[in-house]
N, C-alpha and C. Protein backbone atom coordinates (compact mmCIF):
# COMPACT_ATOMS: atom_id res chain seq x y z
N MET A 1 148.64 -110.68 -119.58
CA MET A 1 148.27 -111.39 -120.80
C MET A 1 149.54 -111.90 -121.48
N ALA A 2 149.48 -113.12 -122.00
CA ALA A 2 150.65 -113.74 -122.64
C ALA A 2 150.94 -113.08 -123.98
N ARG A 3 152.22 -113.03 -124.28
CA ARG A 3 152.63 -112.46 -125.56
C ARG A 3 152.39 -113.49 -126.66
N ARG A 4 151.98 -113.03 -127.82
CA ARG A 4 151.68 -113.93 -128.94
C ARG A 4 152.96 -114.20 -129.73
N ALA A 5 153.13 -115.42 -130.15
CA ALA A 5 154.31 -115.82 -130.94
C ALA A 5 154.25 -115.19 -132.33
N LEU A 6 155.42 -114.89 -132.87
CA LEU A 6 155.48 -114.33 -134.22
C LEU A 6 154.86 -115.26 -135.25
N THR A 7 154.99 -116.56 -135.03
CA THR A 7 154.47 -117.52 -136.01
C THR A 7 152.94 -117.56 -136.05
N GLU A 8 152.29 -116.89 -135.09
CA GLU A 8 150.83 -116.78 -135.13
C GLU A 8 150.38 -115.72 -136.12
N VAL A 9 151.30 -114.86 -136.54
CA VAL A 9 150.99 -113.81 -137.50
C VAL A 9 150.95 -114.44 -138.88
N LYS A 10 149.88 -114.16 -139.64
CA LYS A 10 149.72 -114.71 -140.98
C LYS A 10 150.91 -114.30 -141.85
N GLY A 11 151.55 -115.30 -142.46
CA GLY A 11 152.66 -115.04 -143.37
C GLY A 11 154.02 -115.16 -142.72
N ILE A 12 154.06 -115.47 -141.43
CA ILE A 12 155.35 -115.60 -140.75
C ILE A 12 155.53 -117.05 -140.29
N GLY A 13 156.58 -117.66 -140.82
CA GLY A 13 156.93 -119.02 -140.42
C GLY A 13 158.15 -118.99 -139.51
N PRO A 14 158.67 -120.15 -139.18
CA PRO A 14 159.81 -120.23 -138.26
C PRO A 14 161.06 -119.47 -138.75
N SER A 15 161.35 -119.55 -140.02
CA SER A 15 162.54 -118.89 -140.56
C SER A 15 162.43 -117.37 -140.45
N THR A 16 161.27 -116.85 -140.85
CA THR A 16 161.05 -115.40 -140.78
C THR A 16 161.02 -114.93 -139.33
N ALA A 17 160.41 -115.73 -138.46
CA ALA A 17 160.37 -115.38 -137.03
C ALA A 17 161.79 -115.30 -136.47
N GLY A 18 162.66 -116.21 -136.90
CA GLY A 18 164.05 -116.18 -136.45
C GLY A 18 164.77 -114.92 -136.90
N ALA A 19 164.55 -114.53 -138.15
CA ALA A 19 165.19 -113.32 -138.68
C ALA A 19 164.70 -112.08 -137.93
N LEU A 20 163.41 -112.02 -137.64
CA LEU A 20 162.86 -110.87 -136.89
C LEU A 20 163.42 -110.85 -135.47
N SER A 21 163.51 -112.02 -134.83
CA SER A 21 164.02 -112.11 -133.46
C SER A 21 165.45 -111.61 -133.36
N GLU A 22 166.26 -111.90 -134.39
CA GLU A 22 167.65 -111.43 -134.41
C GLU A 22 167.73 -109.91 -134.44
N HIS A 23 166.65 -109.26 -134.85
CA HIS A 23 166.61 -107.80 -134.91
C HIS A 23 165.73 -107.20 -133.81
N GLY A 24 165.50 -107.96 -132.75
CA GLY A 24 164.79 -107.44 -131.58
C GLY A 24 163.28 -107.49 -131.64
N ILE A 25 162.73 -108.13 -132.65
CA ILE A 25 161.27 -108.26 -132.77
C ILE A 25 160.95 -109.72 -132.48
N SER A 26 160.52 -110.00 -131.23
CA SER A 26 160.37 -111.40 -130.83
C SER A 26 158.94 -111.84 -130.56
N SER A 27 157.97 -110.97 -130.77
CA SER A 27 156.57 -111.33 -130.55
C SER A 27 155.68 -110.55 -131.51
N ALA A 28 154.43 -110.97 -131.58
CA ALA A 28 153.46 -110.26 -132.43
C ALA A 28 153.29 -108.83 -131.92
N GLU A 29 153.35 -108.65 -130.59
CA GLU A 29 153.22 -107.30 -130.02
C GLU A 29 154.38 -106.41 -130.45
N ASP A 30 155.61 -106.98 -130.43
CA ASP A 30 156.78 -106.22 -130.87
C ASP A 30 156.64 -105.82 -132.34
N LEU A 31 156.14 -106.74 -133.14
CA LEU A 31 155.98 -106.48 -134.57
C LEU A 31 154.94 -105.37 -134.81
N ALA A 32 153.84 -105.42 -134.08
CA ALA A 32 152.79 -104.41 -134.24
C ALA A 32 153.28 -103.03 -133.81
N GLN A 33 154.16 -102.98 -132.81
CA GLN A 33 154.65 -101.69 -132.29
C GLN A 33 155.86 -101.17 -133.05
N ALA A 34 156.54 -102.02 -133.79
CA ALA A 34 157.74 -101.61 -134.52
C ALA A 34 157.37 -100.68 -135.67
N THR A 35 158.33 -99.85 -136.06
CA THR A 35 158.10 -98.98 -137.21
C THR A 35 158.30 -99.81 -138.49
N VAL A 36 157.69 -99.36 -139.56
CA VAL A 36 157.83 -100.04 -140.85
C VAL A 36 159.30 -100.04 -141.26
N GLU A 37 160.01 -98.95 -140.97
CA GLU A 37 161.43 -98.84 -141.32
C GLU A 37 162.26 -99.89 -140.58
N ALA A 38 161.94 -100.12 -139.29
CA ALA A 38 162.68 -101.11 -138.50
C ALA A 38 162.42 -102.52 -139.03
N ILE A 39 161.19 -102.79 -139.44
CA ILE A 39 160.86 -104.12 -139.98
C ILE A 39 161.52 -104.30 -141.35
N ALA A 40 161.50 -103.25 -142.17
CA ALA A 40 162.09 -103.33 -143.51
C ALA A 40 163.61 -103.48 -143.45
N ALA A 41 164.22 -103.14 -142.32
CA ALA A 41 165.67 -103.28 -142.16
C ALA A 41 166.08 -104.75 -141.97
N VAL A 42 165.12 -105.61 -141.67
CA VAL A 42 165.40 -107.04 -141.50
C VAL A 42 165.62 -107.64 -142.89
N PRO A 43 166.71 -108.42 -143.08
CA PRO A 43 166.96 -109.03 -144.38
C PRO A 43 165.76 -109.88 -144.83
N GLY A 44 165.37 -109.71 -146.09
CA GLY A 44 164.24 -110.45 -146.64
C GLY A 44 162.93 -109.68 -146.57
N PHE A 45 162.96 -108.48 -145.97
CA PHE A 45 161.75 -107.68 -145.86
C PHE A 45 161.86 -106.44 -146.73
N SER A 46 160.92 -106.29 -147.64
CA SER A 46 160.83 -105.06 -148.43
C SER A 46 159.93 -104.10 -147.65
N GLN A 47 159.81 -102.91 -148.12
CA GLN A 47 158.92 -101.92 -147.50
C GLN A 47 157.48 -102.43 -147.53
N ALA A 48 157.08 -102.99 -148.66
CA ALA A 48 155.70 -103.48 -148.81
C ALA A 48 155.43 -104.67 -147.88
N ARG A 49 156.40 -105.59 -147.78
CA ARG A 49 156.21 -106.75 -146.89
C ARG A 49 156.17 -106.30 -145.44
N ALA A 50 156.98 -105.31 -145.10
CA ALA A 50 156.98 -104.78 -143.73
C ALA A 50 155.61 -104.22 -143.36
N VAL A 51 155.02 -103.47 -144.28
CA VAL A 51 153.68 -102.91 -144.04
C VAL A 51 152.66 -104.03 -143.87
N SER A 52 152.73 -105.04 -144.74
CA SER A 52 151.79 -106.16 -144.70
C SER A 52 151.92 -106.95 -143.38
N MET A 53 153.13 -107.23 -142.95
CA MET A 53 153.35 -108.00 -141.72
C MET A 53 152.93 -107.20 -140.49
N LYS A 54 153.20 -105.91 -140.49
CA LYS A 54 152.79 -105.05 -139.37
C LYS A 54 151.26 -105.04 -139.26
N LYS A 55 150.59 -104.91 -140.40
CA LYS A 55 149.13 -104.91 -140.42
C LYS A 55 148.57 -106.25 -139.93
N ALA A 56 149.19 -107.36 -140.37
CA ALA A 56 148.73 -108.69 -139.96
C ALA A 56 148.89 -108.87 -138.46
N ALA A 57 149.98 -108.36 -137.90
CA ALA A 57 150.20 -108.44 -136.45
C ALA A 57 149.16 -107.62 -135.70
N GLU A 58 148.87 -106.42 -136.21
CA GLU A 58 147.87 -105.56 -135.57
C GLU A 58 146.49 -106.22 -135.60
N GLU A 59 146.16 -106.86 -136.72
CA GLU A 59 144.86 -107.54 -136.84
C GLU A 59 144.78 -108.73 -135.89
N LEU A 60 145.87 -109.47 -135.76
CA LEU A 60 145.90 -110.60 -134.84
C LEU A 60 145.66 -110.13 -133.41
N LEU A 61 146.32 -109.08 -133.02
CA LEU A 61 146.19 -108.57 -131.65
C LEU A 61 144.83 -107.93 -131.40
N ALA A 62 144.21 -107.38 -132.44
CA ALA A 62 142.90 -106.76 -132.31
C ALA A 62 141.79 -107.81 -132.27
N GLY A 63 142.15 -109.06 -132.55
CA GLY A 63 141.15 -110.13 -132.54
C GLY A 63 140.41 -110.27 -133.84
N VAL A 64 140.90 -109.61 -134.88
CA VAL A 64 140.28 -109.75 -136.20
C VAL A 64 140.61 -111.14 -136.71
N ALA A 65 139.59 -111.86 -137.09
CA ALA A 65 139.80 -113.21 -137.60
C ALA A 65 140.44 -113.13 -138.97
N VAL A 66 141.62 -113.70 -139.08
CA VAL A 66 142.30 -113.76 -140.35
C VAL A 66 142.17 -115.19 -140.85
N ALA A 67 141.21 -115.39 -141.74
CA ALA A 67 140.90 -116.74 -142.22
C ALA A 67 141.96 -117.20 -143.21
N ALA A 68 142.22 -118.48 -143.18
CA ALA A 68 143.13 -119.08 -144.16
C ALA A 68 142.42 -119.07 -145.50
N PRO A 69 143.19 -119.00 -146.59
CA PRO A 69 142.57 -119.01 -147.91
C PRO A 69 141.75 -120.27 -148.12
N SER A 70 140.64 -120.12 -148.80
CA SER A 70 139.76 -121.24 -149.08
C SER A 70 140.43 -122.20 -150.05
N LYS A 71 140.06 -123.48 -150.00
CA LYS A 71 140.60 -124.45 -150.94
C LYS A 71 139.91 -124.35 -152.29
N ARG A 72 138.79 -123.64 -152.35
CA ARG A 72 138.10 -123.47 -153.63
C ARG A 72 138.91 -122.52 -154.50
N SER A 73 139.05 -122.87 -155.75
CA SER A 73 139.78 -122.00 -156.65
C SER A 73 138.89 -120.90 -157.21
N THR A 74 137.60 -121.12 -157.22
CA THR A 74 136.66 -120.14 -157.73
C THR A 74 135.51 -120.01 -156.74
N PRO A 75 135.14 -118.77 -156.39
CA PRO A 75 134.01 -118.60 -155.48
C PRO A 75 132.74 -119.22 -156.05
N VAL A 76 131.86 -119.67 -155.17
CA VAL A 76 130.63 -120.35 -155.57
C VAL A 76 129.79 -119.47 -156.49
N GLY A 77 129.69 -118.19 -156.20
CA GLY A 77 128.88 -117.29 -157.01
C GLY A 77 129.33 -117.25 -158.46
N GLU A 78 130.65 -117.29 -158.67
CA GLU A 78 131.16 -117.26 -160.04
C GLU A 78 130.85 -118.56 -160.77
N ILE A 79 130.85 -119.66 -160.07
CA ILE A 79 130.53 -120.94 -160.70
C ILE A 79 129.08 -120.93 -161.17
N GLN A 80 128.19 -120.40 -160.34
CA GLN A 80 126.78 -120.35 -160.70
C GLN A 80 126.56 -119.45 -161.90
N VAL A 81 127.27 -118.33 -161.98
CA VAL A 81 127.14 -117.42 -163.11
C VAL A 81 127.62 -118.11 -164.38
N ALA A 82 128.71 -118.82 -164.29
CA ALA A 82 129.26 -119.49 -165.47
C ALA A 82 128.29 -120.54 -165.98
N SER A 83 127.65 -121.31 -165.07
CA SER A 83 126.74 -122.34 -165.51
C SER A 83 125.45 -121.74 -166.08
N ALA A 84 125.07 -120.56 -165.61
CA ALA A 84 123.88 -119.90 -166.12
C ALA A 84 124.11 -119.41 -167.55
N LYS A 85 125.36 -119.14 -167.91
CA LYS A 85 125.67 -118.67 -169.25
C LYS A 85 125.81 -119.81 -170.25
N GLY A 86 125.69 -121.02 -169.79
CA GLY A 86 125.83 -122.15 -170.70
C GLY A 86 126.99 -123.03 -170.33
N GLY A 87 127.84 -122.55 -169.46
CA GLY A 87 128.94 -123.36 -168.95
C GLY A 87 129.82 -123.97 -170.02
N GLU A 88 130.28 -123.16 -170.94
CA GLU A 88 131.13 -123.69 -172.00
C GLU A 88 132.39 -124.29 -171.39
N LYS A 89 132.74 -125.47 -171.88
CA LYS A 89 133.94 -126.14 -171.40
C LYS A 89 135.06 -125.93 -172.41
N GLU A 90 136.25 -125.80 -171.87
CA GLU A 90 137.40 -125.70 -172.76
C GLU A 90 137.76 -127.08 -173.26
N LYS A 91 138.09 -127.16 -174.53
CA LYS A 91 138.49 -128.44 -175.09
C LYS A 91 139.94 -128.70 -174.69
N PRO A 92 140.22 -129.94 -174.31
CA PRO A 92 141.61 -130.24 -173.96
C PRO A 92 142.50 -130.13 -175.20
N LYS A 93 143.68 -129.61 -175.01
CA LYS A 93 144.60 -129.45 -176.12
C LYS A 93 145.25 -130.79 -176.45
N LYS A 94 145.37 -131.05 -177.74
CA LYS A 94 146.02 -132.28 -178.17
C LYS A 94 147.52 -132.08 -178.08
N PRO A 95 148.23 -133.11 -177.69
CA PRO A 95 149.69 -132.97 -177.62
C PRO A 95 150.28 -132.77 -179.01
N LYS A 96 151.29 -131.93 -179.10
CA LYS A 96 151.93 -131.69 -180.39
C LYS A 96 152.75 -132.90 -180.78
N LYS A 97 152.71 -133.20 -182.07
CA LYS A 97 153.48 -134.33 -182.57
C LYS A 97 154.94 -133.91 -182.72
N ASP A 98 155.77 -134.84 -182.47
CA ASP A 98 157.19 -134.61 -182.59
C ASP A 98 157.57 -134.53 -184.06
N LYS A 99 158.57 -133.75 -184.41
CA LYS A 99 159.01 -133.66 -185.80
C LYS A 99 159.50 -135.02 -186.29
N LYS A 100 160.06 -135.80 -185.39
CA LYS A 100 160.54 -137.12 -185.77
C LYS A 100 159.40 -138.00 -186.24
N ASP A 101 158.22 -137.86 -185.60
CA ASP A 101 157.06 -138.65 -186.01
C ASP A 101 156.68 -138.35 -187.46
N LYS A 102 156.69 -137.07 -187.82
CA LYS A 102 156.34 -136.68 -189.19
C LYS A 102 157.37 -137.21 -190.16
N LYS A 103 158.64 -137.09 -189.79
CA LYS A 103 159.70 -137.55 -190.67
C LYS A 103 159.59 -139.07 -190.87
N GLY A 104 159.27 -139.78 -189.79
CA GLY A 104 159.12 -141.23 -189.87
C GLY A 104 158.03 -141.63 -190.85
N LYS A 105 156.93 -140.89 -190.87
CA LYS A 105 155.84 -141.18 -191.78
C LYS A 105 156.27 -140.95 -193.22
N LYS A 106 157.04 -139.90 -193.46
CA LYS A 106 157.51 -139.61 -194.82
C LYS A 106 158.43 -140.73 -195.30
N ASP A 107 159.30 -141.19 -194.41
CA ASP A 107 160.21 -142.28 -194.77
C ASP A 107 159.43 -143.53 -195.13
N LYS A 108 158.38 -143.85 -194.41
CA LYS A 108 157.56 -145.02 -194.68
C LYS A 108 156.92 -144.93 -196.06
N LYS A 109 156.44 -143.72 -196.42
CA LYS A 109 155.81 -143.51 -197.71
C LYS A 109 156.83 -143.73 -198.83
N LYS A 110 158.06 -143.25 -198.62
CA LYS A 110 159.11 -143.41 -199.64
C LYS A 110 159.43 -144.89 -199.81
N LYS A 111 159.54 -145.61 -198.70
CA LYS A 111 159.87 -147.03 -198.76
C LYS A 111 158.78 -147.82 -199.48
N LYS A 112 157.53 -147.46 -199.26
CA LYS A 112 156.43 -148.15 -199.92
C LYS A 112 156.51 -147.92 -201.42
N GLY A 113 156.87 -146.73 -201.82
CA GLY A 113 156.97 -146.40 -203.24
C GLY A 113 158.09 -147.15 -203.92
N LYS A 114 159.19 -147.43 -203.21
CA LYS A 114 160.34 -148.11 -203.79
C LYS A 114 160.08 -149.59 -203.95
N LYS A 115 159.25 -150.21 -203.13
CA LYS A 115 159.01 -151.63 -203.19
C LYS A 115 158.27 -152.05 -204.44
N LYS A 116 157.52 -151.18 -205.04
CA LYS A 116 156.71 -151.54 -206.20
C LYS A 116 157.52 -151.81 -207.40
């Protein structure tokens, strides 16, 4: 069976794959078999990231489908709940006026008063 590329592991791009390869981890299989300590020794990897990457490699090799994040920002169920409650919309915020704008208006009022 062919070895899986590191870049097939969710969260690993070419740069990260290069850093792992420099430390003897050159495939998804190597990553899954490596200890968390060995992965965390690679520059740019914290203990938490090492655990996450090891788990992602194990899931890839086990055939667990790791779906890419959805483009929806809110799950459909939450949208339906919001609309059932009345679907209140947020009012757009008005841009704040510059202090210069206020000062300009005051100057205009003074000038009008002087002309009389």
